[in-house]
Amino acid sequence: MTKRHGYALLAAICTLIVAISAALYIGAGADDGQDQSALADDRPPRNSADPASTGTWVGAWSASPAGAEPGTEAAGLAGRSVRNVVHAGIGGTGARVTLSNLFGQQPLTITHATIAVAATANSAAATTGTMRRLTFDGATSVIVPAGRQVLSDAVRVTIPHDSDVLVTTYSPTPSGPVTYHPQARQISYAAQGDRVEDLTATAYTEQTTYWRYLTALDVLSNESSGTLVAIGDSLTDGVTSTVGTNSRWTDILSDRLRASAGTGDVPRYSVVNQGISGNQVLAAGLGRPAENPSGLSRFGRDVLDRTNVKAVVIDLGVNDILRNPGRADPDRIVTGLRTLVRQAHARGLRVVGATLMPFEGHRGYTPYRESVRQAINARIRAGQVYDAVVDFDKALRDPYNPRKLRSDYDSGDHLHPSDKGYRTMADAIDLADLTGAVPAEL
């Protein structure tokens, strides 16, 4: 073969290789397009908004991890799909979630997770075209170590405000106790097997009033410039409010803020609820980590670490009185509350605090406990604790017997409000008080 013929043959081989490579590339692209499901169409950059997206990351919903779900100590929820139903108080064009294994005793393996907008309120069925697969640092599975939590990557999905959102996870292996929030006042669901991508509710025959694993939903929003965090006990958790109606005072406050946002001094804030039933300022429950962690121990995680937090409402102290018979000390309780305020001020956060509501007629009522409540309220009203005060006591007490809740605001147990009472609590908050200068020291 001559040198010239050799060059010609080499050129022909190179041309053939390029042609074959191009065909393979085009074919692979076509195959990907045919196989790609709606779940994969909107995969976002990791933990950030698409550069083309605009808005602010804020909390749309959250719930504090409160303990380990009874009966899940060994197997957890292995082999079941857990579909949490949560209510987004604010809308957005992107979303991400936080999953917690705080009370787990071994790693939690999540192999499959999705997010979708519910087809209707309180339903396990998803709206067509809204389901997205969740990833974690780019992977579709994640291992959450015991005592830890993980934040998903962001996904592009339109979340309307006042919509129910479905966050579904599947774990194939035993993971020990399930981290949960027991007083959801919302029905969620579970199904046998990996039904994470099911659009219908057919397989989701198990119902629960718990939220499991899921502790936060953030959205990329043009409706809000920051997050307002409410931390409290059962009065904030919404115990005795009607299940599935979003009648907690925090829900009503969210509606008020959205309706009035941008008018006068009203801030454009979303609202997230960090209430835990039975919660105290000073004392925690049993276990390691402690179930029902105290306000002091959880303030950093549940308030300061929430997304883009701008202000805090604190409604704590009643359980420090009720759960310490004959030993409740108003000085210690107020000191604890002021410690929370100092931590918030160190982050530049404004703090609105609530007076403690009456509870005469409740089984825990005693004249001594009433005197402690009155002593704490006197200091709160005198401006010795918070930047601003919402007087829940004045708003809900019986004008003819101020030691009791007004009858139409009473759920019947003489401690927790009715739906009407929760609405009155939300209406008692001066929205302009949620913004303003943060003092160097009270």
Protein backbone atom coordinates (compact mmCIF):
# COMPACT_ATOMS: atom_id res chain seq x y z
CA MET A 1 0.00 0.00 0.00
CA THR A 2 1.33 3.44 -0.93
CA LYS A 3 1.61 6.22 1.59
CA ARG A 4 -1.14 8.15 -0.19
CA HIS A 5 -3.52 5.15 -0.08
CA GLY A 6 -2.79 4.67 3.63
CA TYR A 7 -3.80 8.25 4.45
CA ALA A 8 -7.00 7.83 2.43
CA LEU A 9 -7.93 4.62 4.32
CA LEU A 10 -7.24 6.25 7.69
CA ALA A 11 -9.43 9.23 6.78
CA ALA A 12 -12.25 6.91 5.73
CA ILE A 13 -12.05 5.00 9.04
CA CYS A 14 -12.16 8.27 11.04
CA THR A 15 -15.19 9.44 9.06
CA LEU A 16 -16.96 6.13 9.77
CA ILE A 17 -16.22 6.38 13.51
CA VAL A 18 -17.58 9.94 13.70
CA ALA A 19 -20.74 8.90 11.85
CA ILE A 20 -21.34 5.92 14.14
CA SER A 21 -20.74 8.07 17.27
CA ALA A 22 -23.20 10.70 16.08
CA ALA A 23 -25.83 8.07 15.38
CA LEU A 24 -25.36 6.54 18.83
CA TYR A 25 -25.60 9.95 20.48
CA ILE A 26 -28.78 10.85 18.62
CA GLY A 27 -30.26 7.43 19.35
CA ALA A 28 -29.43 7.70 23.04
CA GLY A 29 -31.05 11.13 23.18
CA ALA A 30 -34.17 9.78 21.53
CA ASP A 31 -34.34 6.85 23.94
CA ASP A 32 -33.99 9.18 26.93
CA GLY A 33 -36.82 11.29 25.62
CA GLN A 34 -39.10 8.30 25.18
CA ASP A 35 -38.31 6.82 28.61
CA GLN A 36 -38.39 10.07 30.52
CA SER A 37 -41.40 10.29 32.82
CA ALA A 38 -43.07 13.39 34.23
CA LEU A 39 -41.11 12.76 37.40
CA ALA A 40 -37.80 13.31 35.63
CA ASP A 41 -38.76 16.27 33.43
CA ASP A 42 -38.20 18.84 36.14
CA ARG A 43 -35.07 17.75 37.91
CA PRO A 44 -33.50 20.91 39.42
CA PRO A 45 -30.05 21.97 40.40
CA ARG A 46 -29.06 20.59 43.80
CA ASN A 47 -30.42 22.50 46.77
CA SER A 48 -30.86 25.72 44.87
CA ALA A 49 -33.31 27.42 42.62
CA ASP A 50 -32.99 27.24 38.87
CA PRO A 51 -31.01 30.32 37.73
CA ALA A 52 -34.06 31.27 35.66
CA SER A 53 -36.30 31.17 38.74
CA THR A 54 -36.92 34.15 40.95
CA GLY A 55 -38.19 34.41 44.48
CA THR A 56 -37.15 33.79 48.06
CA TRP A 57 -36.84 30.51 49.91
CA VAL A 58 -39.27 30.52 52.84
CA GLY A 59 -40.97 27.99 55.06
CA ALA A 60 -44.38 26.91 53.74
CA TRP A 61 -45.00 24.30 56.46
CA SER A 62 -43.12 22.65 59.29
CA ALA A 63 -43.64 20.48 62.34
CA SER A 64 -41.24 19.84 65.19
CA PRO A 65 -40.00 16.28 65.69
CA ALA A 66 -41.60 15.35 69.00
CA GLY A 67 -40.59 11.77 69.74
CA ALA A 68 -40.43 8.14 68.62
CA GLU A 69 -43.63 6.60 67.31
CA PRO A 70 -44.85 3.78 69.59
CA GLY A 71 -44.76 0.34 68.03
CA THR A 72 -41.98 1.18 65.57
CA GLU A 73 -39.05 0.48 67.87
CA ALA A 74 -37.71 -2.47 65.88
CA ALA A 75 -38.85 -2.41 62.27
CA GLY A 76 -39.73 1.22 61.82
CA LEU A 77 -41.98 1.36 58.75
CA ALA A 78 -39.94 -0.99 56.57
CA GLY A 79 -41.62 -2.01 53.34
CA ARG A 80 -44.27 0.72 53.48
CA SER A 81 -44.79 3.96 51.62
CA VAL A 82 -45.49 6.89 53.94
CA ARG A 83 -47.55 9.68 52.35
CA ASN A 84 -47.61 12.77 54.55
CA VAL A 85 -50.30 15.35 53.82
CA VAL A 86 -49.26 18.89 54.78
CA HIS A 87 -50.79 22.29 54.13
CA ALA A 88 -48.76 24.96 52.34
CA GLY A 89 -49.72 28.37 53.68
CA ILE A 90 -47.69 30.11 50.99
CA GLY A 91 -47.20 29.31 47.32
CA GLY A 92 -44.08 28.94 45.23
CA THR A 93 -42.49 27.66 42.03
CA GLY A 94 -39.96 25.33 43.66
CA ALA A 95 -39.87 23.11 46.71
CA ARG A 96 -37.56 21.13 48.98
CA VAL A 97 -38.18 19.09 52.13
CA THR A 98 -36.43 18.12 55.35
CA LEU A 99 -36.57 14.52 56.59
CA SER A 100 -35.62 13.72 60.18
CA ASN A 101 -34.30 10.63 61.94
CA LEU A 102 -33.81 12.51 65.20
CA PHE A 103 -35.34 9.77 67.36
CA GLY A 104 -34.07 6.83 65.33
CA GLN A 105 -31.58 4.42 66.87
CA GLN A 106 -30.11 3.27 63.55
CA PRO A 107 -29.70 4.72 60.05
CA LEU A 108 -32.87 5.37 58.06
CA THR A 109 -32.57 4.34 54.41
CA ILE A 110 -34.92 6.17 52.04
CA THR A 111 -34.70 4.67 48.55
CA HIS A 112 -37.53 6.56 46.92
CA ALA A 113 -39.24 9.91 47.67
CA THR A 114 -41.62 12.21 45.83
CA ILE A 115 -43.53 15.45 46.23
CA ALA A 116 -46.85 16.36 44.60
CA VAL A 117 -49.83 18.66 45.01
CA ALA A 118 -52.86 16.83 46.39
CA ALA A 119 -55.78 16.46 44.00
CA THR A 120 -58.19 17.68 46.68
CA ALA A 121 -57.92 18.71 50.31
CA ASN A 122 -57.15 15.85 52.70
CA SER A 123 -56.64 13.40 49.85
CA ALA A 124 -53.84 10.91 49.19
CA ALA A 125 -54.36 11.33 45.43
CA ALA A 126 -52.01 13.62 43.50
CA THR A 127 -52.85 16.23 40.91
CA THR A 128 -51.80 15.00 37.49
CA GLY A 129 -48.58 16.56 36.27
CA THR A 130 -47.36 17.72 39.69
CA MET A 131 -45.50 14.68 40.98
CA ARG A 132 -41.72 15.08 41.16
CA ARG A 133 -39.06 12.65 42.29
CA LEU A 134 -36.98 14.01 45.17
CA THR A 135 -33.20 13.70 45.16
CA PHE A 136 -30.56 14.20 47.81
CA ASP A 137 -27.27 15.62 46.60
CA GLY A 138 -28.25 14.31 43.20
CA ALA A 139 -29.08 10.76 44.31
CA THR A 140 -32.57 9.25 44.44
CA SER A 141 -31.80 7.47 47.72
CA VAL A 142 -30.38 8.73 50.98
CA ILE A 143 -29.27 7.33 54.33
CA VAL A 144 -30.19 9.51 57.30
CA PRO A 145 -27.96 8.73 60.29
CA ALA A 146 -29.59 8.27 63.69
CA GLY A 147 -30.12 11.63 65.35
CA ARG A 148 -29.73 13.58 62.10
CA GLN A 149 -31.80 15.13 59.33
CA VAL A 150 -31.37 15.73 55.59
CA LEU A 151 -32.48 18.46 53.20
CA SER A 152 -33.56 17.38 49.72
CA ASP A 153 -32.48 19.02 46.53
CA ALA A 154 -34.87 21.59 45.12
CA VAL A 155 -37.44 20.60 42.51
CA ARG A 156 -39.34 22.79 40.10
CA VAL A 157 -43.03 22.44 40.90
CA THR A 158 -45.84 24.96 41.30
CA ILE A 159 -47.25 24.88 44.85
CA PRO A 160 -50.40 27.02 45.14
CA HIS A 161 -50.93 28.75 48.47
CA ASP A 162 -53.51 27.11 50.71
CA SER A 163 -52.98 23.78 48.97
CA ASP A 164 -52.33 20.35 50.43
CA VAL A 165 -48.99 18.83 49.46
CA LEU A 166 -48.08 15.13 49.44
CA VAL A 167 -44.57 14.11 50.48
CA THR A 168 -44.07 10.36 50.12
CA THR A 169 -41.13 8.22 51.23
CA TYR A 170 -40.28 4.53 51.02
CA SER A 171 -37.84 2.68 53.25
CA PRO A 172 -37.18 -1.01 52.47
CA THR A 173 -35.24 -1.89 55.61
CA PRO A 174 -35.88 -1.80 59.37
CA SER A 175 -34.79 1.54 60.81
CA GLY A 176 -35.78 1.53 64.46
CA PRO A 177 -38.15 4.11 65.97
CA VAL A 178 -39.88 6.44 63.52
CA THR A 179 -39.41 10.15 64.25
CA TYR A 180 -42.90 11.61 64.31
CA HIS A 181 -45.18 14.49 65.25
CA PRO A 182 -48.23 12.98 66.95
CA GLN A 183 -50.75 15.85 67.01
CA ALA A 184 -50.97 16.62 63.31
CA ARG A 185 -54.70 17.46 63.23
CA GLN A 186 -54.39 16.18 59.67
CA ILE A 187 -54.94 12.75 58.13
CA SER A 188 -51.93 11.24 56.38
CA TYR A 189 -51.58 7.83 54.74
CA ALA A 190 -49.45 4.73 54.27
CA ALA A 191 -49.40 1.84 51.78
CA GLN A 192 -47.77 -1.55 51.60
CA GLY A 193 -44.83 -1.74 49.21
CA ASP A 194 -43.19 0.94 47.11
CA ARG A 195 -46.16 3.02 45.92
CA VAL A 196 -44.28 6.32 46.11
CA GLU A 197 -45.09 7.36 42.54
CA ASP A 198 -48.76 6.36 42.64
CA LEU A 199 -50.98 9.23 41.51
CA THR A 200 -54.10 7.56 42.88
CA ALA A 201 -55.02 6.93 46.48
CA THR A 202 -56.07 3.34 45.88
CA ALA A 203 -53.13 1.69 47.67
CA TYR A 204 -53.14 4.17 50.55
CA THR A 205 -55.59 2.38 52.80
CA GLU A 206 -53.81 3.07 56.10
CA GLN A 207 -54.68 6.36 57.78
CA THR A 208 -52.85 8.14 60.59
CA THR A 209 -53.04 11.40 62.50
CA TYR A 210 -49.22 11.48 62.68
CA TRP A 211 -46.64 13.19 60.50
CA ARG A 212 -43.69 10.82 60.02
CA TYR A 213 -40.09 11.71 59.11
CA LEU A 214 -41.11 14.95 57.39
CA THR A 215 -40.38 18.10 59.40
CA ALA A 216 -40.30 20.96 56.87
CA LEU A 217 -41.45 22.06 53.43
CA ASP A 218 -39.76 25.11 51.91
CA VAL A 219 -40.90 26.85 48.75
CA LEU A 220 -39.30 29.34 46.37
CA SER A 221 -41.87 32.09 46.66
CA ASN A 222 -42.73 35.48 45.23
CA GLU A 223 -45.46 35.86 47.84
CA SER A 224 -43.20 36.13 50.88
CA SER A 225 -39.95 37.78 51.90
CA GLY A 226 -39.32 35.70 55.00
CA THR A 227 -40.62 33.22 57.55
CA LEU A 228 -42.42 33.85 60.83
CA VAL A 229 -41.91 30.97 63.29
CA ALA A 230 -44.44 30.24 66.03
CA ILE A 231 -43.08 28.11 68.86
CA GLY A 232 -45.36 26.81 71.58
CA ASP A 233 -47.19 23.93 73.18
CA SER A 234 -50.56 22.31 72.43
CA LEU A 235 -52.18 25.73 72.12
CA THR A 236 -49.93 26.38 69.13
CA ASP A 237 -49.98 22.76 67.94
CA GLY A 238 -53.74 23.20 67.53
CA VAL A 239 -54.96 20.38 69.74
CA THR A 240 -58.81 20.36 69.76
CA SER A 241 -59.02 22.23 66.44
CA THR A 242 -61.08 20.40 63.83
CA VAL A 243 -59.03 17.78 61.97
CA GLY A 244 -58.32 18.57 58.33
CA THR A 245 -59.59 22.16 58.39
CA ASN A 246 -56.37 24.04 59.19
CA SER A 247 -58.01 25.91 62.05
CA ARG A 248 -54.94 26.42 64.25
CA TRP A 249 -54.27 30.04 65.14
CA THR A 250 -51.10 29.88 63.05
CA ASP A 251 -53.16 28.92 59.97
CA ILE A 252 -55.50 31.87 60.47
CA LEU A 253 -52.54 34.19 61.04
CA SER A 254 -51.02 32.98 57.76
CA ASP A 255 -54.25 33.86 55.94
CA ARG A 256 -54.33 37.29 57.57
CA LEU A 257 -50.75 38.05 56.60
CA ARG A 258 -51.22 36.97 53.00
CA ALA A 259 -54.44 38.99 52.65
CA SER A 260 -52.85 42.16 54.08
CA ALA A 261 -49.24 41.75 52.91
CA GLY A 262 -47.64 44.95 51.70
CA THR A 263 -50.30 47.26 53.14
CA GLY A 264 -49.17 49.68 55.81
CA ASP A 265 -46.59 48.06 58.07
CA VAL A 266 -47.74 44.49 57.42
CA PRO A 267 -44.79 42.23 56.48
CA ARG A 268 -44.85 39.68 53.67
CA TYR A 269 -44.19 36.64 55.88
CA SER A 270 -45.09 32.99 55.64
CA VAL A 271 -45.92 31.24 58.93
CA VAL A 272 -44.63 27.89 60.20
CA ASN A 273 -45.84 26.10 63.31
CA GLN A 274 -43.32 24.64 65.78
CA GLY A 275 -45.78 23.72 68.51
CA ILE A 276 -45.42 20.47 70.46
CA SER A 277 -48.24 19.35 72.71
CA GLY A 278 -47.18 19.27 76.34
CA ASN A 279 -44.08 21.35 75.67
CA GLN A 280 -42.36 23.25 78.47
CA VAL A 281 -39.86 26.08 78.47
CA LEU A 282 -37.56 24.42 81.00
CA ALA A 283 -38.07 20.66 81.18
CA ALA A 284 -37.93 17.91 78.56
CA GLY A 285 -39.38 14.41 78.52
CA LEU A 286 -37.57 11.12 79.01
CA GLY A 287 -35.14 9.35 76.71
CA ARG A 288 -31.97 10.09 74.78
CA PRO A 289 -32.62 12.17 72.83
CA ALA A 290 -35.35 13.46 75.10
CA GLU A 291 -38.86 13.18 73.74
CA ASN A 292 -40.85 16.41 73.81
CA PRO A 293 -37.62 18.44 74.04
CA SER A 294 -37.83 21.64 76.08
CA GLY A 295 -38.21 25.02 74.45
CA LEU A 296 -34.69 25.88 75.57
CA SER A 297 -33.16 22.76 74.03
CA ARG A 298 -35.01 22.89 70.70
CA PHE A 299 -35.06 26.62 70.01
CA GLY A 300 -31.95 26.52 67.83
CA ARG A 301 -33.17 23.68 65.62
CA ASP A 302 -36.88 24.48 65.50
CA VAL A 303 -36.71 28.27 65.29
CA LEU A 304 -33.30 29.70 64.46
CA ASP A 305 -32.51 27.07 61.83
CA ARG A 306 -35.78 27.46 59.93
CA THR A 307 -35.48 28.85 56.43
CA ASN A 308 -35.10 32.63 56.16
CA VAL A 309 -36.68 33.29 59.56
CA LYS A 310 -37.44 36.96 60.24
CA ALA A 311 -39.57 36.97 63.39
CA VAL A 312 -40.75 34.70 66.20
CA VAL A 313 -43.96 34.35 68.20
CA ILE A 314 -43.54 32.53 71.53
CA ASP A 315 -46.47 31.00 73.42
CA LEU A 316 -44.93 28.83 76.14
CA GLY A 317 -45.21 28.54 79.90
CA VAL A 318 -48.56 26.93 80.72
CA ASN A 319 -47.13 23.40 80.92
CA ASP A 320 -44.30 24.59 83.17
CA ILE A 321 -47.10 25.53 85.56
CA LEU A 322 -49.40 22.52 85.05
CA ARG A 323 -46.72 19.83 85.11
CA ASN A 324 -44.90 21.05 88.22
CA PRO A 325 -47.48 20.90 91.01
CA GLY A 326 -46.57 23.17 93.90
CA ARG A 327 -43.13 23.84 92.45
CA ALA A 328 -43.74 26.08 89.45
CA ASP A 329 -41.47 29.07 89.83
CA PRO A 330 -42.44 32.22 87.89
CA ASP A 331 -38.89 33.58 88.16
CA ARG A 332 -37.38 30.50 86.51
CA ILE A 333 -40.03 30.38 83.80
CA VAL A 334 -39.58 34.07 82.93
CA THR A 335 -35.80 33.62 82.93
CA GLY A 336 -36.19 30.75 80.49
CA LEU A 337 -38.41 32.83 78.20
CA ARG A 338 -35.93 35.70 78.28
CA THR A 339 -33.16 33.26 77.33
CA LEU A 340 -35.13 32.36 74.20
CA VAL A 341 -35.55 36.04 73.40
CA ARG A 342 -31.82 36.71 73.78
CA GLN A 343 -31.04 33.86 71.38
CA ALA A 344 -33.46 35.31 68.84
CA HIS A 345 -32.02 38.81 69.26
CA ALA A 346 -28.53 37.43 68.62
CA ARG A 347 -29.82 36.49 65.15
CA GLY A 348 -31.51 39.86 64.67
CA LEU A 349 -35.03 38.42 65.07
CA ARG A 350 -37.95 40.31 66.50
CA VAL A 351 -39.93 38.44 69.16
CA VAL A 352 -43.63 38.76 69.95
CA GLY A 353 -44.71 36.92 73.08
CA ALA A 354 -48.09 35.76 74.33
CA THR A 355 -49.65 36.04 77.74
CA LEU A 356 -50.72 32.73 79.27
CA MET A 357 -54.42 31.95 78.90
CA PRO A 358 -56.69 30.97 81.81
CA PHE A 359 -57.57 27.38 82.70
CA GLU A 360 -59.92 27.33 85.68
CA GLY A 361 -62.12 24.27 85.40
CA HIS A 362 -59.31 22.17 83.96
CA ARG A 363 -58.27 19.23 86.13
CA GLY A 364 -54.87 20.83 86.70
CA TYR A 365 -56.20 24.10 88.05
CA THR A 366 -55.25 25.23 91.57
CA PRO A 367 -55.23 28.71 93.14
CA TYR A 368 -51.43 28.46 93.46
CA ARG A 369 -51.00 27.74 89.75
CA GLU A 370 -53.31 30.62 88.95
CA SER A 371 -51.09 32.93 91.00
CA VAL A 372 -48.04 31.76 89.03
CA ARG A 373 -49.83 32.44 85.75
CA GLN A 374 -50.81 35.91 86.88
CA ALA A 375 -47.24 36.68 88.00
CA ILE A 376 -45.81 35.66 84.62
CA ASN A 377 -48.43 37.63 82.73
CA ALA A 378 -47.73 40.74 84.79
CA ARG A 379 -44.08 40.66 83.71
CA ILE A 380 -44.97 40.00 80.09
CA ARG A 381 -47.42 42.92 80.01
CA ALA A 382 -44.85 45.17 81.71
CA GLY A 383 -42.49 44.66 78.77
CA GLN A 384 -39.94 42.68 80.77
CA VAL A 385 -39.84 39.67 78.43
CA TYR A 386 -40.69 40.33 74.76
CA ASP A 387 -40.34 43.05 72.12
CA ALA A 388 -44.12 43.15 71.72
CA VAL A 389 -47.03 41.39 73.39
CA VAL A 390 -50.11 39.60 72.10
CA ASP A 391 -52.56 39.35 74.98
CA PHE A 392 -54.15 35.94 74.40
CA ASP A 393 -55.33 35.97 78.03
CA LYS A 394 -57.35 39.16 77.58
CA ALA A 395 -58.69 38.08 74.19
CA LEU A 396 -60.08 34.71 75.33
CA ARG A 397 -60.92 35.01 79.02
CA ASP A 398 -64.44 35.18 80.37
CA PRO A 399 -65.10 38.83 81.26
CA TYR A 400 -67.22 37.71 84.21
CA ASN A 401 -64.61 35.25 85.49
CA PRO A 402 -61.14 36.06 84.11
CA ARG A 403 -59.72 32.83 85.51
CA LYS A 404 -61.70 30.89 82.87
CA LEU A 405 -61.92 30.78 79.09
CA ARG A 406 -65.05 32.37 77.64
CA SER A 407 -67.51 29.54 77.01
CA ASP A 408 -67.68 29.91 73.22
CA TYR A 409 -63.88 29.98 73.04
CA ASP A 410 -63.57 26.82 75.15
CA SER A 411 -63.23 23.42 73.44
CA GLY A 412 -64.75 21.86 76.53
CA ASP A 413 -61.64 20.89 78.48
CA HIS A 414 -61.23 24.43 79.89
CA LEU A 415 -57.65 24.67 78.63
CA HIS A 416 -57.67 24.39 74.83
CA PRO A 417 -59.66 26.70 72.58
CA SER A 418 -62.42 25.85 70.14
CA ASP A 419 -62.00 26.69 66.47
CA LYS A 420 -63.58 30.05 67.25
CA GLY A 421 -61.11 30.54 70.07
CA TYR A 422 -58.15 29.77 67.81
CA ARG A 423 -59.42 32.32 65.30
CA THR A 424 -59.69 34.89 68.06
CA MET A 425 -56.09 34.21 69.05
CA ALA A 426 -54.93 34.90 65.48
CA ASP A 427 -57.05 38.05 65.27
CA ALA A 428 -55.54 39.35 68.51
CA ILE A 429 -52.09 39.70 66.92
CA ASP A 430 -51.24 43.17 65.67
CA LEU A 431 -49.59 42.41 62.33
CA ALA A 432 -47.48 45.56 62.53
CA ASP A 433 -45.89 44.21 65.72
CA LEU A 434 -44.19 41.50 63.68
CA THR A 435 -41.69 43.97 62.29
CA GLY A 436 -39.56 46.64 63.88
CA ALA A 437 -36.24 47.26 65.53
CA VAL A 438 -34.68 44.59 67.70
CA PRO A 439 -33.47 46.05 71.01
CA ALA A 440 -29.96 45.32 72.18
CA GLU A 441 -31.32 44.23 75.55
CA LEU A 442 -34.70 44.15 77.24
